[in-house]
C-alpha atoms as a PDB file:
ATOM      1  CA  MET A   1      27.287 -57.787  45.019  1.00  0.00           C
ATOM      2  CA  HIS A   2      24.418 -57.562  47.445  1.00  0.00           C
ATOM      3  CA  ALA A   3      20.788 -57.490  46.370  1.00  0.00           C
ATOM      4  CA  ALA A   4      17.537 -57.093  48.208  1.00  0.00           C
ATOM      5  CA  SER A   5      16.076 -60.340  49.510  1.00  0.00           C
ATOM      6  CA  PRO A   6      15.064 -62.448  46.485  1.00  0.00           C
ATOM      7  CA  PRO A   7      11.661 -64.102  46.025  1.00  0.00           C
ATOM      8  CA  THR A   8      11.201 -67.244  48.092  1.00  0.00           C
ATOM      9  CA  PRO A   9      12.148 -70.302  46.016  1.00  0.00           C
ATOM     10  CA  SER A  10       9.524 -73.015  45.651  1.00  0.00           C
ATOM     11  CA  ARG A  11      12.188 -75.738  45.511  1.00  0.00           C
ATOM     12  CA  LEU A  12      14.678 -76.644  48.199  1.00  0.00           C
ATOM     13  CA  LEU A  13      18.285 -75.986  47.248  1.00  0.00           C
ATOM     14  CA  THR A  14      20.609 -78.330  49.110  1.00  0.00           C
ATOM     15  CA  PRO A  15      24.373 -77.887  49.277  1.00  0.00           C
ATOM     16  CA  GLU A  16      24.734 -80.900  46.999  1.00  0.00           C
ATOM     17  CA  THR A  17      22.308 -79.651  44.340  1.00  0.00           C
ATOM     18  CA  ALA A  18      23.860 -76.163  44.443  1.00  0.00           C
ATOM     19  CA  ARG A  19      27.335 -77.628  43.970  1.00  0.00           C
ATOM     20  CA  ASP A  20      26.173 -79.867  41.122  1.00  0.00           C
ATOM     21  CA  PHE A  21      24.418 -76.917  39.435  1.00  0.00           C
ATOM     22  CA  ILE A  22      27.539 -74.769  39.566  1.00  0.00           C
ATOM     23  CA  LEU A  23      29.791 -77.523  38.237  1.00  0.00           C
ATOM     24  CA  ALA A  24      27.359 -78.220  35.395  1.00  0.00           C
ATOM     25  CA  ASN A  25      26.852 -74.611  34.316  1.00  0.00           C
ATOM     26  CA  THR A  26      30.177 -72.847  34.862  1.00  0.00           C
ATOM     27  CA  ARG A  27      33.823 -73.576  34.161  1.00  0.00           C
ATOM     28  CA  LEU A  28      36.973 -73.047  36.171  1.00  0.00           C
ATOM     29  CA  GLN A  29      38.908 -70.170  34.641  1.00  0.00           C
ATOM     30  CA  PRO A  30      41.466 -67.536  35.675  1.00  0.00           C
ATOM     31  CA  VAL A  31      40.198 -64.116  36.703  1.00  0.00           C
ATOM     32  CA  SER A  32      41.108 -61.582  34.026  1.00  0.00           C
ATOM     33  CA  HIS A  33      42.757 -58.986  36.271  1.00  0.00           C
ATOM     34  CA  ALA A  34      43.909 -61.404  38.978  1.00  0.00           C
ATOM     35  CA  PRO A  35      45.051 -64.496  37.052  1.00  0.00           C
ATOM     36  CA  GLU A  36      46.660 -65.928  40.185  1.00  0.00           C
ATOM     37  CA  ILE A  37      43.078 -66.834  41.123  1.00  0.00           C
ATOM     38  CA  SER A  38      40.763 -69.206  39.244  1.00  0.00           C
ATOM     39  CA  LEU A  39      37.014 -69.269  39.820  1.00  0.00           C
ATOM     40  CA  TRP A  40      34.012 -71.258  38.640  1.00  0.00           C
ATOM     41  CA  LEU A  41      32.481 -68.640  36.328  1.00  0.00           C
ATOM     42  CA  ALA A  42      29.780 -68.504  33.673  1.00  0.00           C
ATOM     43  CA  ASP A  43      30.429 -67.278  30.148  1.00  0.00           C
ATOM     44  CA  GLU A  44      26.978 -65.738  29.603  1.00  0.00           C
ATOM     45  CA  VAL A  45      24.521 -64.063  31.957  1.00  0.00           C
ATOM     46  CA  THR A  46      21.075 -64.686  30.491  1.00  0.00           C
ATOM     47  CA  PRO A  47      21.162 -68.490  30.032  1.00  0.00           C
ATOM     48  CA  LEU A  48      22.463 -69.030  33.566  1.00  0.00           C
ATOM     49  CA  TRP A  49      19.914 -66.579  34.972  1.00  0.00           C
ATOM     50  CA  ARG A  50      17.091 -68.572  33.382  1.00  0.00           C
ATOM     51  CA  LEU A  51      18.531 -71.865  34.585  1.00  0.00           C
ATOM     52  CA  THR A  52      18.805 -70.437  38.102  1.00  0.00           C
ATOM     53  CA  GLU A  53      15.124 -69.498  38.127  1.00  0.00           C
ATOM     54  CA  GLU A  54      14.215 -72.957  36.833  1.00  0.00           C
ATOM     55  CA  GLU A  55      16.379 -74.635  39.466  1.00  0.00           C
ATOM     56  CA  LEU A  56      14.777 -72.665  42.303  1.00  0.00           C
ATOM     57  CA  GLY A  57      11.268 -72.565  40.877  1.00  0.00           C
ATOM     58  CA  ALA A  58      11.050 -68.797  41.277  1.00  0.00           C
ATOM     59  CA  MET A  59      10.806 -65.908  38.836  1.00  0.00           C
ATOM     60  CA  GLY A  60      12.184 -62.404  39.263  1.00  0.00           C
ATOM     61  CA  LEU A  61      15.384 -63.508  40.958  1.00  0.00           C
ATOM     62  CA  PRO A  62      18.413 -61.204  41.001  1.00  0.00           C
ATOM     63  CA  PRO A  63      21.136 -61.980  38.443  1.00  0.00           C
ATOM     64  CA  PRO A  64      23.567 -64.766  39.413  1.00  0.00           C
ATOM     65  CA  PHE A  65      26.168 -62.367  40.794  1.00  0.00           C
ATOM     66  CA  TRP A  66      28.173 -65.303  42.185  1.00  0.00           C
ATOM     67  CA  ALA A  67      28.977 -66.559  38.658  1.00  0.00           C
ATOM     68  CA  PHE A  68      30.967 -63.515  37.498  1.00  0.00           C
ATOM     69  CA  ALA A  69      34.099 -61.644  38.558  1.00  0.00           C
ATOM     70  CA  TRP A  70      32.787 -58.086  38.789  1.00  0.00           C
ATOM     71  CA  ALA A  71      35.061 -55.121  38.192  1.00  0.00           C
ATOM     72  CA  GLY A  72      34.980 -53.721  41.731  1.00  0.00           C
ATOM     73  CA  GLY A  73      35.831 -57.076  43.254  1.00  0.00           C
ATOM     74  CA  GLN A  74      38.621 -57.592  40.753  1.00  0.00           C
ATOM     75  CA  ALA A  75      40.101 -54.242  41.729  1.00  0.00           C
ATOM     76  CA  ILE A  76      40.128 -55.123  45.429  1.00  0.00           C
ATOM     77  CA  ALA A  77      41.554 -58.572  44.684  1.00  0.00           C
ATOM     78  CA  ARG A  78      44.350 -57.069  42.587  1.00  0.00           C
ATOM     79  CA  TRP A  79      45.142 -54.492  45.256  1.00  0.00           C
ATOM     80  CA  LEU A  80      45.321 -57.125  48.000  1.00  0.00           C
ATOM     81  CA  LEU A  81      47.568 -59.381  45.932  1.00  0.00           C
ATOM     82  CA  ASP A  82      49.860 -56.422  45.208  1.00  0.00           C
ATOM     83  CA  ASN A  83      49.781 -55.122  48.813  1.00  0.00           C
ATOM     84  CA  PRO A  84      49.755 -58.226  51.029  1.00  0.00           C
ATOM     85  CA  GLU A  85      51.067 -56.275  54.003  1.00  0.00           C
ATOM     86  CA  ALA A  86      47.659 -54.586  54.202  1.00  0.00           C
ATOM     87  CA  VAL A  87      45.908 -57.854  55.025  1.00  0.00           C
ATOM     88  CA  ARG A  88      48.591 -60.182  56.382  1.00  0.00           C
ATOM     89  CA  GLY A  89      47.754 -61.496  59.846  1.00  0.00           C
ATOM     90  CA  ARG A  90      44.323 -59.847  59.914  1.00  0.00           C
ATOM     91  CA  SER A  91      40.758 -61.061  60.211  1.00  0.00           C
ATOM     92  CA  VAL A  92      38.589 -60.154  57.223  1.00  0.00           C
ATOM     93  CA  VAL A  93      34.926 -59.938  56.242  1.00  0.00           C
ATOM     94  CA  ASP A  94      34.194 -60.180  52.518  1.00  0.00           C
ATOM     95  CA  PHE A  95      30.829 -58.422  52.410  1.00  0.00           C
ATOM     96  CA  ALA A  96      28.433 -59.341  49.569  1.00  0.00           C
ATOM     97  CA  SER A  97      31.033 -61.877  48.554  1.00  0.00           C
ATOM     98  CA  GLY A  98      29.414 -63.368  45.462  1.00  0.00           C
ATOM     99  CA  SER A  99      31.982 -65.817  44.089  1.00  0.00           C
ATOM    100  CA  GLY A 100      34.331 -65.271  47.022  1.00  0.00           C
ATOM    101  CA  LEU A 101      36.970 -63.661  44.772  1.00  0.00           C
ATOM    102  CA  VAL A 102      37.915 -60.978  47.287  1.00  0.00           C
ATOM    103  CA  GLY A 103      38.014 -63.480  50.130  1.00  0.00           C
ATOM    104  CA  VAL A 104      40.288 -65.787  48.141  1.00  0.00           C
ATOM    105  CA  ALA A 105      42.620 -62.867  47.402  1.00  0.00           C
ATOM    106  CA  ALA A 106      42.702 -61.933  51.080  1.00  0.00           C
ATOM    107  CA  MET A 107      43.631 -65.460  52.146  1.00  0.00           C
ATOM    108  CA  LYS A 108      46.262 -65.748  49.419  1.00  0.00           C
ATOM    109  CA  SER A 109      47.703 -62.470  50.711  1.00  0.00           C
ATOM    110  CA  GLY A 110      48.068 -63.764  54.266  1.00  0.00           C
ATOM    111  CA  ALA A 111      44.813 -63.050  56.118  1.00  0.00           C
ATOM    112  CA  THR A 112      44.353 -65.215  59.196  1.00  0.00           C
ATOM    113  CA  SER A 113      40.646 -65.738  58.509  1.00  0.00           C
ATOM    114  CA  VAL A 114      37.969 -64.602  56.067  1.00  0.00           C
ATOM    115  CA  LEU A 115      34.216 -64.638  56.563  1.00  0.00           C
ATOM    116  CA  CYS A 116      32.356 -64.399  53.252  1.00  0.00           C
ATOM    117  CA  ALA A 117      28.797 -63.102  53.565  1.00  0.00           C
ATOM    118  CA  ASP A 118      26.083 -63.188  50.912  1.00  0.00           C
ATOM    119  CA  ILE A 119      22.334 -63.822  50.846  1.00  0.00           C
ATOM    120  CA  ASP A 120      22.221 -65.504  47.424  1.00  0.00           C
ATOM    121  CA  PRO A 121      21.306 -69.201  47.941  1.00  0.00           C
ATOM    122  CA  PHE A 122      24.044 -70.381  45.551  1.00  0.00           C
ATOM    123  CA  CYS A 123      26.862 -68.436  47.175  1.00  0.00           C
ATOM    124  CA  ARG A 124      27.710 -70.923  49.917  1.00  0.00           C
ATOM    125  CA  ALA A 125      28.445 -73.600  47.313  1.00  0.00           C
ATOM    126  CA  ALA A 126      30.203 -71.149  44.981  1.00  0.00           C
ATOM    127  CA  VAL A 127      32.469 -69.868  47.748  1.00  0.00           C
ATOM    128  CA  ALA A 128      33.276 -73.417  48.861  1.00  0.00           C
ATOM    129  CA  LEU A 129      34.139 -74.521  45.328  1.00  0.00           C
ATOM    130  CA  ASN A 130      36.279 -71.457  44.686  1.00  0.00           C
ATOM    131  CA  ALA A 131      38.086 -71.803  48.003  1.00  0.00           C
ATOM    132  CA  GLU A 132      38.817 -75.437  47.149  1.00  0.00           C
ATOM    133  CA  ALA A 133      40.055 -74.521  43.664  1.00  0.00           C
ATOM    134  CA  ASN A 134      42.519 -72.016  45.139  1.00  0.00           C
ATOM    135  CA  GLY A 135      43.685 -74.025  48.123  1.00  0.00           C
ATOM    136  CA  VAL A 136      42.374 -71.658  50.794  1.00  0.00           C
ATOM    137  CA  SER A 137      39.848 -71.870  53.625  1.00  0.00           C
ATOM    138  CA  LEU A 138      36.872 -69.486  53.726  1.00  0.00           C
ATOM    139  CA  ALA A 139      34.074 -69.314  56.276  1.00  0.00           C
ATOM    140  CA  PHE A 140      30.617 -68.386  55.019  1.00  0.00           C
ATOM    141  CA  THR A 141      27.355 -66.943  56.317  1.00  0.00           C
ATOM    142  CA  ASP A 142      24.098 -66.382  54.469  1.00  0.00           C
ATOM    143  CA  ALA A 143      22.822 -64.002  57.157  1.00  0.00           C
ATOM    144  CA  ASP A 144      22.083 -60.472  55.970  1.00  0.00           C
ATOM    145  CA  LEU A 145      24.802 -58.615  57.863  1.00  0.00           C
ATOM    146  CA  LEU A 146      23.004 -55.332  57.311  1.00  0.00           C
ATOM    147  CA  ASP A 147      20.342 -56.433  59.795  1.00  0.00           C
ATOM    148  CA  ALA A 148      22.795 -56.338  62.703  1.00  0.00           C
ATOM    149  CA  PRO A 149      25.786 -54.338  63.926  1.00  0.00           C
ATOM    150  CA  PRO A 150      28.944 -55.073  61.929  1.00  0.00           C
ATOM    151  CA  PRO A 151      30.885 -58.118  63.128  1.00  0.00           C
ATOM    152  CA  LYS A 152      34.289 -57.639  64.705  1.00  0.00           C
ATOM    153  CA  ALA A 153      36.963 -57.776  62.034  1.00  0.00           C
ATOM    154  CA  ASP A 154      40.239 -56.051  61.322  1.00  0.00           C
ATOM    155  CA  LEU A 155      39.270 -55.419  57.712  1.00  0.00           C
ATOM    156  CA  ILE A 156      35.937 -55.314  55.854  1.00  0.00           C
ATOM    157  CA  LEU A 157      36.035 -55.532  52.067  1.00  0.00           C
ATOM    158  CA  ALA A 158      33.111 -54.527  49.843  1.00  0.00           C
ATOM    159  CA  GLY A 159      33.166 -54.728  46.057  1.00  0.00           C
ATOM    160  CA  ASP A 160      30.423 -53.572  43.684  1.00  0.00           C
ATOM    161  CA  VAL A 161      27.884 -52.524  46.313  1.00  0.00           C
ATOM    162  CA  CYS A 162      26.789 -49.155  44.871  1.00  0.00           C
ATOM    163  CA  TYR A 163      24.546 -50.104  41.958  1.00  0.00           C
ATOM    164  CA  GLU A 164      21.130 -49.348  43.554  1.00  0.00           C
ATOM    165  CA  LYS A 165      20.393 -46.154  45.482  1.00  0.00           C
ATOM    166  CA  PRO A 166      18.547 -47.547  48.550  1.00  0.00           C
ATOM    167  CA  MET A 167      20.984 -50.432  48.910  1.00  0.00           C
ATOM    168  CA  THR A 168      23.990 -48.130  48.520  1.00  0.00           C
ATOM    169  CA  GLU A 169      22.764 -45.864  51.303  1.00  0.00           C
ATOM    170  CA  ARG A 170      22.107 -48.829  53.584  1.00  0.00           C
ATOM    171  CA  VAL A 171      25.465 -50.452  52.888  1.00  0.00           C
ATOM    172  CA  LEU A 172      27.472 -47.241  53.327  1.00  0.00           C
ATOM    173  CA  THR A 173      25.753 -46.513  56.641  1.00  0.00           C
ATOM    174  CA  TRP A 174      26.645 -50.014  57.833  1.00  0.00           C
ATOM    175  CA  LEU A 175      30.241 -49.691  56.629  1.00  0.00           C
ATOM    176  CA  ARG A 176      30.591 -46.366  58.440  1.00  0.00           C
ATOM    177  CA  GLN A 177      29.398 -48.120  61.603  1.00  0.00           C
ATOM    178  CA  ALA A 178      32.071 -50.753  61.078  1.00  0.00           C
ATOM    179  CA  ARG A 179      34.706 -48.048  60.632  1.00  0.00           C
ATOM    180  CA  ALA A 180      33.530 -46.272  63.771  1.00  0.00           C
ATOM    181  CA  VAL A 181      34.143 -49.372  65.899  1.00  0.00           C
ATOM    182  CA  GLY A 182      37.639 -49.927  64.519  1.00  0.00           C
ATOM    183  CA  SER A 183      37.425 -52.005  61.354  1.00  0.00           C
ATOM    184  CA  GLU A 184      39.357 -50.796  58.340  1.00  0.00           C
ATOM    185  CA  VAL A 185      37.045 -50.621  55.295  1.00  0.00           C
ATOM    186  CA  LEU A 186      38.023 -50.944  51.638  1.00  0.00           C
ATOM    187  CA  ILE A 187      35.549 -50.482  48.781  1.00  0.00           C
ATOM    188  CA  GLY A 188      36.021 -51.463  45.146  1.00  0.00           C
ATOM    189  CA  ASP A 189      33.893 -49.719  42.539  1.00  0.00           C
ATOM    190  CA  PRO A 190      34.021 -49.049  38.774  1.00  0.00           C
ATOM    191  CA  GLY A 191      32.281 -45.679  38.944  1.00  0.00           C
ATOM    192  CA  ARG A 192      28.719 -46.850  39.452  1.00  0.00           C
ATOM    193  CA  SER A 193      25.992 -44.214  39.579  1.00  0.00           C
ATOM    194  CA  TYR A 194      25.454 -44.194  43.335  1.00  0.00           C
ATOM    195  CA  PHE A 195      29.059 -44.404  44.449  1.00  0.00           C
ATOM    196  CA  PRO A 196      29.867 -41.455  46.752  1.00  0.00           C
ATOM    197  CA  ARG A 197      32.145 -38.888  45.177  1.00  0.00           C
ATOM    198  CA  GLU A 198      33.496 -37.543  48.451  1.00  0.00           C
ATOM    199  CA  GLY A 199      34.620 -38.747  51.845  1.00  0.00           C
ATOM    200  CA  LEU A 200      36.835 -41.661  50.771  1.00  0.00           C
ATOM    201  CA  GLU A 201      40.590 -42.049  50.370  1.00  0.00           C
ATOM    202  CA  PHE A 202      41.712 -43.120  46.895  1.00  0.00           C
ATOM    203  CA  LEU A 203      44.168 -46.040  46.864  1.00  0.00           C
ATOM    204  CA  ALA A 204      44.462 -47.337  43.310  1.00  0.00           C
ATOM    205  CA  GLU A 205      42.893 -47.534  39.856  1.00  0.00           C
ATOM    206  CA  TYR A 206      42.929 -50.513  37.507  1.00  0.00           C
ATOM    207  CA  THR A 207      41.795 -51.100  33.953  1.00  0.00           C
ATOM    208  CA  VAL A 208      39.710 -54.252  34.276  1.00  0.00           C
ATOM    209  CA  PRO A 209      38.639 -56.305  31.238  1.00  0.00           C
ATOM    210  CA  THR A 210      34.954 -57.163  31.408  1.00  0.00           C
ATOM    211  CA  THR A 211      32.115 -57.882  28.980  1.00  0.00           C
ATOM    212  CA  ARG A 212      29.178 -55.930  27.619  1.00  0.00           C
ATOM    213  CA  GLU A 213      26.927 -58.625  29.038  1.00  0.00           C
ATOM    214  CA  LEU A 214      27.870 -57.379  32.493  1.00  0.00           C
ATOM    215  CA  GLU A 215      28.836 -53.757  31.977  1.00  0.00           C
ATOM    216  CA  ASP A 216      28.363 -50.869  29.538  1.00  0.00           C
ATOM    217  CA  GLN A 217      31.968 -51.207  28.340  1.00  0.00           C
ATOM    218  CA  GLU A 218      34.410 -54.008  27.575  1.00  0.00           C
ATOM    219  CA  VAL A 219      36.970 -52.393  29.872  1.00  0.00           C
ATOM    220  CA  LYS A 220      36.125 -50.647  33.149  1.00  0.00           C
ATOM    221  CA  ARG A 221      38.300 -48.288  35.158  1.00  0.00           C
ATOM    222  CA  SER A 222      37.813 -49.671  38.629  1.00  0.00           C
ATOM    223  CA  ARG A 223      39.100 -48.028  41.789  1.00  0.00           C
ATOM    224  CA  VAL A 224      39.890 -49.071  45.344  1.00  0.00           C
ATOM    225  CA  TRP A 225      39.020 -46.693  48.159  1.00  0.00           C
ATOM    226  CA  ARG A 226      39.589 -46.630  51.912  1.00  0.00           C
ATOM    227  CA  MET A 227      36.989 -45.291  54.293  1.00  0.00           C
ATOM    228  CA  PRO A 228      38.802 -42.772  56.559  1.00  0.00           C
END
């Protein structure tokens, strides 16, 4: 997931402190709809959210998206694992990567390289830990990719990016730019309010177990779409 720029932390977060925080407050566990992959995930949202604000010395931070396997990302991960020919030998950008779930799935399915991109200050450490846990290599950038033209990549993957109206419009415009210059674009979404109802090619639907802490249901029907 991708959020607007968070408040500026009053405390410096180093790679070491971020890694230690994640190891202390999450546990390595298989992803419900892609059990071939294990991630460092939290069991509850609110306690970790509060601890994150304490760690950074800032209030009003976005939720710790990196600590959960969201339904849209799980759908893309499942689709890639089931359709490795779609990613094998290709360069990939995992946009708004969060935990790096989608990037891990892409590498496990044969991608030549994956760049994970997220602006959350914990994501670099989370992606590194999750790559290590799954025996893959993932590159990472904390630059806001929406501020520049899309990077060159064979495939851009975006899960759970349609939960706020202004952000959805900005992300979809950027993804259309990527498609226009030759990147294939896949989007995973569990029917969020601002997801476009037209103009995308349906690929697959999955029933993804989740939790009422994260979603409005314990099971979400999550779909994978291709941008034509």
